[in-house]
Amino acid sequence: MNDTIMIRRSTEADHAAIARLAQLDDRDAPQGESLLAYVDGELRAAVSLRSRGGSVADPFHLTGDVVQLLRLRAEQEQVAA
């Protein structure tokens, strides 16, 4: 598999997309700033930077590895801060 994964911090403009993802995942959307993972240009997962890795992910795709990658990146950012 050669999927392109892009990770970035959320902005105010991402709230609606994160809310849709949370609705698909039947979970509450992460509050505050999150890290987002886009796979081939589609939002697949979000991990909160505030609530110790609280996450939502697209249940129609395999996202376990993507969520782990986001959590690892969040840990790296906490150590660097």
PDB file of N, CA and C in Angstrom:
ATOM      1  N   MET A   1       0.839  -1.172   0.000  1.00  0.00           N
ATOM      2  CA  MET A   1       0.000   0.000   0.000  1.00  0.00           C
ATOM      3  C   MET A   1       0.883   1.233   0.000  1.00  0.00           C
ATOM      4  N   ASN A   2       0.595   2.168  -0.887  1.00  0.00           N
ATOM      5  CA  ASN A   2       1.392   3.386  -1.011  1.00  0.00           C
ATOM      6  C   ASN A   2       0.542   4.620  -0.779  1.00  0.00           C
ATOM      7  N   ASP A   3      -0.232   4.613   0.305  1.00  0.00           N
ATOM      8  CA  ASP A   3      -1.073   5.759   0.621  1.00  0.00           C
ATOM      9  C   ASP A   3      -0.219   6.903   1.144  1.00  0.00           C
ATOM     10  N   THR A   4      -0.597   8.113   0.797  1.00  0.00           N
ATOM     11  CA  THR A   4       0.068   9.307   1.294  1.00  0.00           C
ATOM     12  C   THR A   4      -0.646   9.757   2.556  1.00  0.00           C
ATOM     13  N   ILE A   5       0.116   9.922   3.636  1.00  0.00           N
ATOM     14  CA  ILE A   5      -0.453  10.367   4.907  1.00  0.00           C
ATOM     15  C   ILE A   5       0.116  11.740   5.222  1.00  0.00           C
ATOM     16  N   MET A   6      -0.786  12.677   5.511  1.00  0.00           N
ATOM     17  CA  MET A   6      -0.383  14.020   5.914  1.00  0.00           C
ATOM     18  C   MET A   6      -0.921  14.251   7.323  1.00  0.00           C
ATOM     19  N   ILE A   7      -0.065  14.708   8.214  1.00  0.00           N
ATOM     20  CA  ILE A   7      -0.460  15.033   9.576  1.00  0.00           C
ATOM     21  C   ILE A   7      -0.295  16.529   9.764  1.00  0.00           C
ATOM     22  N   ARG A   8      -1.313  17.151  10.373  1.00  0.00           N
ATOM     23  CA  ARG A   8      -1.218  18.580  10.669  1.00  0.00           C
ATOM     24  C   ARG A   8      -2.095  18.904  11.877  1.00  0.00           C
ATOM     25  N   ARG A   9      -1.850  20.076  12.444  1.00  0.00           N
ATOM     26  CA  ARG A   9      -2.664  20.559  13.554  1.00  0.00           C
ATOM     27  C   ARG A   9      -3.991  21.090  13.015  1.00  0.00           C
ATOM     28  N   SER A  10      -5.021  20.922  13.824  1.00  0.00           N
ATOM     29  CA  SER A  10      -6.332  21.432  13.437  1.00  0.00           C
ATOM     30  C   SER A  10      -6.372  22.949  13.563  1.00  0.00           C
ATOM     31  N   THR A  11      -7.322  23.545  12.847  1.00  0.00           N
ATOM     32  CA  THR A  11      -7.603  24.976  12.946  1.00  0.00           C
ATOM     33  C   THR A  11      -9.103  25.122  13.166  1.00  0.00           C
ATOM     34  N   GLU A  12      -9.542  26.338  13.371  1.00  0.00           N
ATOM     35  CA  GLU A  12     -10.977  26.608  13.527  1.00  0.00           C
ATOM     36  C   GLU A  12     -11.768  26.092  12.317  1.00  0.00           C
ATOM     37  N   ALA A  13     -11.185  26.164  11.162  1.00  0.00           N
ATOM     38  CA  ALA A  13     -11.871  25.747   9.940  1.00  0.00           C
ATOM     39  C   ALA A  13     -12.118  24.244   9.877  1.00  0.00           C
ATOM     40  N   ASP A  14     -11.468  23.471  10.742  1.00  0.00           N
ATOM     41  CA  ASP A  14     -11.604  22.015  10.723  1.00  0.00           C
ATOM     42  C   ASP A  14     -12.721  21.482  11.613  1.00  0.00           C
ATOM     43  N   HIS A  15     -13.346  22.349  12.407  1.00  0.00           N
ATOM     44  CA  HIS A  15     -14.333  21.870  13.380  1.00  0.00           C
ATOM     45  C   HIS A  15     -15.464  21.069  12.747  1.00  0.00           C
ATOM     46  N   ALA A  16     -15.991  21.520  11.624  1.00  0.00           N
ATOM     47  CA  ALA A  16     -17.101  20.808  10.983  1.00  0.00           C
ATOM     48  C   ALA A  16     -16.656  19.432  10.491  1.00  0.00           C
ATOM     49  N   ALA A  17     -15.473  19.338   9.915  1.00  0.00           N
ATOM     50  CA  ALA A  17     -14.971  18.053   9.423  1.00  0.00           C
ATOM     51  C   ALA A  17     -14.716  17.086  10.575  1.00  0.00           C
ATOM     52  N   ILE A  18     -14.188  17.596  11.689  1.00  0.00           N
ATOM     53  CA  ILE A  18     -13.946  16.748  12.857  1.00  0.00           C
ATOM     54  C   ILE A  18     -15.282  16.284  13.439  1.00  0.00           C
ATOM     55  N   ALA A  19     -16.262  17.167  13.470  1.00  0.00           N
ATOM     56  CA  ALA A  19     -17.593  16.802  13.977  1.00  0.00           C
ATOM     57  C   ALA A  19     -18.225  15.707  13.117  1.00  0.00           C
ATOM     58  N   ARG A  20     -18.073  15.796  11.799  1.00  0.00           N
ATOM     59  CA  ARG A  20     -18.606  14.752  10.902  1.00  0.00           C
ATOM     60  C   ARG A  20     -17.904  13.425  11.157  1.00  0.00           C
ATOM     61  N   LEU A  21     -16.593  13.472  11.335  1.00  0.00           N
ATOM     62  CA  LEU A  21     -15.825  12.264  11.618  1.00  0.00           C
ATOM     63  C   LEU A  21     -16.275  11.647  12.946  1.00  0.00           C
ATOM     64  N   ALA A  22     -16.482  12.471  13.952  1.00  0.00           N
ATOM     65  CA  ALA A  22     -16.939  11.987  15.258  1.00  0.00           C
ATOM     66  C   ALA A  22     -18.321  11.355  15.144  1.00  0.00           C
ATOM     67  N   GLN A  23     -19.172  11.949  14.335  1.00  0.00           N
ATOM     68  CA  GLN A  23     -20.512  11.386  14.140  1.00  0.00           C
ATOM     69  C   GLN A  23     -20.423  10.012  13.480  1.00  0.00           C
ATOM     70  N   LEU A  24     -19.568   9.865  12.488  1.00  0.00           N
ATOM     71  CA  LEU A  24     -19.366   8.560  11.852  1.00  0.00           C
ATOM     72  C   LEU A  24     -18.866   7.531  12.857  1.00  0.00           C
ATOM     73  N   ASP A  25     -17.973   7.970  13.755  1.00  0.00           N
ATOM     74  CA  ASP A  25     -17.347   7.084  14.734  1.00  0.00           C
ATOM     75  C   ASP A  25     -18.220   6.885  15.977  1.00  0.00           C
ATOM     76  N   ASP A  26     -19.353   7.589  16.034  1.00  0.00           N
ATOM     77  CA  ASP A  26     -20.286   7.515  17.163  1.00  0.00           C
ATOM     78  C   ASP A  26     -19.589   7.860  18.479  1.00  0.00           C
ATOM     79  N   ARG A  27     -18.776   8.916  18.435  1.00  0.00           N
ATOM     80  CA  ARG A  27     -18.053   9.407  19.611  1.00  0.00           C
ATOM     81  C   ARG A  27     -18.162  10.922  19.665  1.00  0.00           C
ATOM     82  N   ASP A  28     -17.801  11.474  20.815  1.00  0.00           N
ATOM     83  CA  ASP A  28     -17.723  12.925  20.942  1.00  0.00           C
ATOM     84  C   ASP A  28     -16.481  13.416  20.220  1.00  0.00           C
ATOM     85  N   ALA A  29     -16.604  14.551  19.584  1.00  0.00           N
ATOM     86  CA  ALA A  29     -15.463  15.150  18.894  1.00  0.00           C
ATOM     87  C   ALA A  29     -14.432  15.622  19.917  1.00  0.00           C
ATOM     88  N   PRO A  30     -13.149  15.466  19.611  1.00  0.00           N
ATOM     89  CA  PRO A  30     -12.111  15.991  20.504  1.00  0.00           C
ATOM     90  C   PRO A  30     -12.283  17.499  20.669  1.00  0.00           C
ATOM     91  N   GLN A  31     -12.071  17.983  21.869  1.00  0.00           N
ATOM     92  CA  GLN A  31     -12.181  19.411  22.149  1.00  0.00           C
ATOM     93  C   GLN A  31     -10.800  20.057  22.074  1.00  0.00           C
ATOM     94  N   GLY A  32     -10.771  21.271  21.615  1.00  0.00           N
ATOM     95  CA  GLY A  32      -9.509  21.995  21.530  1.00  0.00           C
ATOM     96  C   GLY A  32      -8.693  21.545  20.336  1.00  0.00           C
ATOM     97  N   GLU A  33      -7.420  21.838  20.405  1.00  0.00           N
ATOM     98  CA  GLU A  33      -6.527  21.535  19.288  1.00  0.00           C
ATOM     99  C   GLU A  33      -6.303  20.030  19.151  1.00  0.00           C
ATOM    100  N   SER A  34      -6.272  19.577  17.920  1.00  0.00           N
ATOM    101  CA  SER A  34      -6.060  18.157  17.617  1.00  0.00           C
ATOM    102  C   SER A  34      -5.020  18.017  16.520  1.00  0.00           C
ATOM    103  N   LEU A  35      -4.493  16.819  16.407  1.00  0.00           N
ATOM    104  CA  LEU A  35      -3.702  16.453  15.235  1.00  0.00           C
ATOM    105  C   LEU A  35      -4.627  15.698  14.303  1.00  0.00           C
ATOM    106  N   LEU A  36      -4.539  16.013  13.026  1.00  0.00           N
ATOM    107  CA  LEU A  36      -5.380  15.394  12.017  1.00  0.00           C
ATOM    108  C   LEU A  36      -4.533  14.560  11.077  1.00  0.00           C
ATOM    109  N   ALA A  37      -5.093  13.432  10.650  1.00  0.00           N
ATOM    110  CA  ALA A  37      -4.412  12.597   9.659  1.00  0.00           C
ATOM    111  C   ALA A  37      -5.283  12.520   8.414  1.00  0.00           C
ATOM    112  N   TYR A  38      -4.695  12.903   7.308  1.00  0.00           N
ATOM    113  CA  TYR A  38      -5.337  12.788   6.008  1.00  0.00           C
ATOM    114  C   TYR A  38      -4.639  11.675   5.244  1.00  0.00           C
ATOM    115  N   VAL A  39      -5.420  10.755   4.723  1.00  0.00           N
ATOM    116  CA  VAL A  39      -4.881   9.673   3.901  1.00  0.00           C
ATOM    117  C   VAL A  39      -5.380   9.903   2.483  1.00  0.00           C
ATOM    118  N   ASP A  40      -4.443  10.092   1.586  1.00  0.00           N
ATOM    119  CA  ASP A  40      -4.771  10.414   0.200  1.00  0.00           C
ATOM    120  C   ASP A  40      -5.784  11.549   0.104  1.00  0.00           C
ATOM    121  N   GLY A  41      -5.603  12.564   0.951  1.00  0.00           N
ATOM    122  CA  GLY A  41      -6.428  13.764   0.903  1.00  0.00           C
ATOM    123  C   GLY A  41      -7.731  13.696   1.674  1.00  0.00           C
ATOM    124  N   GLU A  42      -8.063  12.561   2.296  1.00  0.00           N
ATOM    125  CA  GLU A  42      -9.308  12.417   3.062  1.00  0.00           C
ATOM    126  C   GLU A  42      -9.009  12.366   4.551  1.00  0.00           C
ATOM    127  N   LEU A  43      -9.770  13.142   5.331  1.00  0.00           N
ATOM    128  CA  LEU A  43      -9.607  13.109   6.774  1.00  0.00           C
ATOM    129  C   LEU A  43     -10.015  11.735   7.292  1.00  0.00           C
ATOM    130  N   ARG A  44      -9.080  11.054   7.952  1.00  0.00           N
ATOM    131  CA  ARG A  44      -9.358   9.703   8.459  1.00  0.00           C
ATOM    132  C   ARG A  44      -9.353   9.622   9.969  1.00  0.00           C
ATOM    133  N   ALA A  45      -8.601  10.509  10.648  1.00  0.00           N
ATOM    134  CA  ALA A  45      -8.527  10.415  12.100  1.00  0.00           C
ATOM    135  C   ALA A  45      -8.110  11.750  12.698  1.00  0.00           C
ATOM    136  N   ALA A  46      -8.548  11.946  13.950  1.00  0.00           N
ATOM    137  CA  ALA A  46      -8.158  13.114  14.727  1.00  0.00           C
ATOM    138  C   ALA A  46      -7.849  12.661  16.143  1.00  0.00           C
ATOM    139  N   VAL A  47      -6.762  13.178  16.696  1.00  0.00           N
ATOM    140  CA  VAL A  47      -6.359  12.871  18.066  1.00  0.00           C
ATOM    141  C   VAL A  47      -6.191  14.187  18.811  1.00  0.00           C
ATOM    142  N   SER A  48      -6.839  14.278  19.955  1.00  0.00           N
ATOM    143  CA  SER A  48      -6.781  15.482  20.771  1.00  0.00           C
ATOM    144  C   SER A  48      -5.388  15.690  21.341  1.00  0.00           C
ATOM    145  N   LEU A  49      -4.932  16.925  21.331  1.00  0.00           N
ATOM    146  CA  LEU A  49      -3.679  17.276  21.992  1.00  0.00           C
ATOM    147  C   LEU A  49      -3.936  17.658  23.446  1.00  0.00           C
ATOM    148  N   ARG A  50      -5.195  17.807  23.800  1.00  0.00           N
ATOM    149  CA  ARG A  50      -5.568  18.231  25.140  1.00  0.00           C
ATOM    150  C   ARG A  50      -5.946  17.059  26.042  1.00  0.00           C
ATOM    151  N   SER A  51      -6.689  16.096  25.534  1.00  0.00           N
ATOM    152  CA  SER A  51      -7.269  15.066  26.403  1.00  0.00           C
ATOM    153  C   SER A  51      -6.556  13.721  26.297  1.00  0.00           C
ATOM    154  N   ARG A  52      -5.250  13.739  26.367  1.00  0.00           N
ATOM    155  CA  ARG A  52      -4.437  12.528  26.401  1.00  0.00           C
ATOM    156  C   ARG A  52      -4.827  11.501  25.344  1.00  0.00           C
ATOM    157  N   GLY A  53      -4.835  11.915  24.119  1.00  0.00           N
ATOM    158  CA  GLY A  53      -5.004  10.981  23.024  1.00  0.00           C
ATOM    159  C   GLY A  53      -6.422  10.596  22.684  1.00  0.00           C
ATOM    160  N   GLY A  54      -7.429  11.317  23.211  1.00  0.00           N
ATOM    161  CA  GLY A  54      -8.801  11.056  22.790  1.00  0.00           C
ATOM    162  C   GLY A  54      -8.880  11.158  21.278  1.00  0.00           C
ATOM    163  N   SER A  55      -9.562  10.215  20.648  1.00  0.00           N
ATOM    164  CA  SER A  55      -9.519  10.192  19.189  1.00  0.00           C
ATOM    165  C   SER A  55     -10.867   9.849  18.580  1.00  0.00           C
ATOM    166  N   VAL A  56     -10.994  10.196  17.318  1.00  0.00           N
ATOM    167  CA  VAL A  56     -12.083   9.749  16.461  1.00  0.00           C
ATOM    168  C   VAL A  56     -11.455   9.323  15.149  1.00  0.00           C
ATOM    169  N   ALA A  57     -12.083   8.347  14.496  1.00  0.00           N
ATOM    170  CA  ALA A  57     -11.538   7.845  13.232  1.00  0.00           C
ATOM    171  C   ALA A  57     -12.662   7.335  12.353  1.00  0.00           C
ATOM    172  N   ASP A  58     -12.408   7.312  11.078  1.00  0.00           N
ATOM    173  CA  ASP A  58     -13.381   6.849  10.096  1.00  0.00           C
ATOM    174  C   ASP A  58     -13.557   5.342  10.232  1.00  0.00           C
ATOM    175  N   PRO A  59     -14.752   4.884  10.640  1.00  0.00           N
ATOM    176  CA  PRO A  59     -14.955   3.454  10.851  1.00  0.00           C
ATOM    177  C   PRO A  59     -15.066   2.650   9.551  1.00  0.00           C
ATOM    178  N   PHE A  60     -15.087   3.332   8.427  1.00  0.00           N
ATOM    179  CA  PHE A  60     -15.209   2.647   7.146  1.00  0.00           C
ATOM    180  C   PHE A  60     -13.858   2.370   6.496  1.00  0.00           C
ATOM    181  N   HIS A  61     -12.787   2.695   7.231  1.00  0.00           N
ATOM    182  CA  HIS A  61     -11.427   2.447   6.761  1.00  0.00           C
ATOM    183  C   HIS A  61     -10.615   1.863   7.912  1.00  0.00           C
ATOM    184  N   LEU A  62      -9.553   1.152   7.574  1.00  0.00           N
ATOM    185  CA  LEU A  62      -8.638   0.659   8.592  1.00  0.00           C
ATOM    186  C   LEU A  62      -7.823   1.848   9.092  1.00  0.00           C
ATOM    187  N   THR A  63      -8.014   2.218  10.349  1.00  0.00           N
ATOM    188  CA  THR A  63      -7.387   3.436  10.859  1.00  0.00           C
ATOM    189  C   THR A  63      -6.555   3.217  12.120  1.00  0.00           C
ATOM    190  N   GLY A  64      -6.459   2.002  12.608  1.00  0.00           N
ATOM    191  CA  GLY A  64      -5.702   1.747  13.833  1.00  0.00           C
ATOM    192  C   GLY A  64      -4.277   2.246  13.749  1.00  0.00           C
ATOM    193  N   ASP A  65      -3.602   1.964  12.649  1.00  0.00           N
ATOM    194  CA  ASP A  65      -2.213   2.407  12.482  1.00  0.00           C
ATOM    195  C   ASP A  65      -2.117   3.932  12.378  1.00  0.00           C
ATOM    196  N   VAL A  66      -3.112   4.537  11.738  1.00  0.00           N
ATOM    197  CA  VAL A  66      -3.105   5.995  11.585  1.00  0.00           C
ATOM    198  C   VAL A  66      -3.280   6.663  12.946  1.00  0.00           C
ATOM    199  N   VAL A  67      -4.185   6.137  13.773  1.00  0.00           N
ATOM    200  CA  VAL A  67      -4.393   6.688  15.110  1.00  0.00           C
ATOM    201  C   VAL A  67      -3.124   6.521  15.946  1.00  0.00           C
ATOM    202  N   GLN A  68      -2.476   5.377  15.857  1.00  0.00           N
ATOM    203  CA  GLN A  68      -1.219   5.173  16.590  1.00  0.00           C
ATOM    204  C   GLN A  68      -0.157   6.169  16.143  1.00  0.00           C
ATOM    205  N   LEU A  69      -0.085   6.427  14.848  1.00  0.00           N
ATOM    206  CA  LEU A  69       0.864   7.401  14.321  1.00  0.00           C
ATOM    207  C   LEU A  69       0.574   8.797  14.877  1.00  0.00           C
ATOM    208  N   LEU A  70      -0.701   9.171  14.929  1.00  0.00           N
ATOM    209  CA  LEU A  70      -1.071  10.475  15.488  1.00  0.00           C
ATOM    210  C   LEU A  70      -0.714  10.559  16.969  1.00  0.00           C
ATOM    211  N   ARG A  71      -0.964   9.496  17.715  1.00  0.00           N
ATOM    212  CA  ARG A  71      -0.633   9.499  19.143  1.00  0.00           C
ATOM    213  C   ARG A  71       0.877   9.612  19.359  1.00  0.00           C
ATOM    214  N   LEU A  72       1.652   8.927  18.541  1.00  0.00           N
ATOM    215  CA  LEU A  72       3.104   9.022  18.626  1.00  0.00           C
ATOM    216  C   LEU A  72       3.554  10.453  18.358  1.00  0.00           C
ATOM    217  N   ARG A  73       2.998  11.063  17.338  1.00  0.00           N
ATOM    218  CA  ARG A  73       3.355  12.444  17.002  1.00  0.00           C
ATOM    219  C   ARG A  73       2.958  13.391  18.124  1.00  0.00           C
ATOM    220  N   ALA A  74       1.795  13.170  18.729  1.00  0.00           N
ATOM    221  CA  ALA A  74       1.344  14.007  19.847  1.00  0.00           C
ATOM    222  C   ALA A  74       2.312  13.886  21.020  1.00  0.00           C
ATOM    223  N   GLU A  75       2.761  12.677  21.308  1.00  0.00           N
ATOM    224  CA  GLU A  75       3.746  12.464  22.385  1.00  0.00           C
ATOM    225  C   GLU A  75       5.047  13.207  22.073  1.00  0.00           C
ATOM    226  N   GLN A  76       5.492  13.155  20.818  1.00  0.00           N
ATOM    227  CA  GLN A  76       6.722  13.845  20.427  1.00  0.00           C
ATOM    228  C   GLN A  76       6.577  15.354  20.637  1.00  0.00           C
ATOM    229  N   GLU A  77       5.419  15.883  20.303  1.00  0.00           N
ATOM    230  CA  GLU A  77       5.206  17.322  20.478  1.00  0.00           C
ATOM    231  C   GLU A  77       5.171  17.707  21.949  1.00  0.00           C
ATOM    232  N   GLN A  78       4.626  16.859  22.810  1.00  0.00           N
ATOM    233  CA  GLN A  78       4.588  17.140  24.242  1.00  0.00           C
ATOM    234  C   GLN A  78       5.999  17.136  24.826  1.00  0.00           C
ATOM    235  N   VAL A  79       6.832  16.216  24.382  1.00  0.00           N
ATOM    236  CA  VAL A  79       8.211  16.141  24.877  1.00  0.00           C
ATOM    237  C   VAL A  79       8.998  17.374  24.430  1.00  0.00           C
ATOM    238  N   ALA A  80       8.760  17.809  23.204  1.00  0.00           N
ATOM    239  CA  ALA A  80       9.485  18.951  22.658  1.00  0.00           C
ATOM    240  C   ALA A  80       9.056  20.271  23.279  1.00  0.00           C
ATOM    241  N   ALA A  81       7.874  20.305  23.856  1.00  0.00           N
ATOM    242  CA  ALA A  81       7.341  21.573  24.414  1.00  0.00           C
ATOM    243  C   ALA A  81       7.969  21.949  25.721  1.00  0.00           C
TER     244      ALA A  81
END
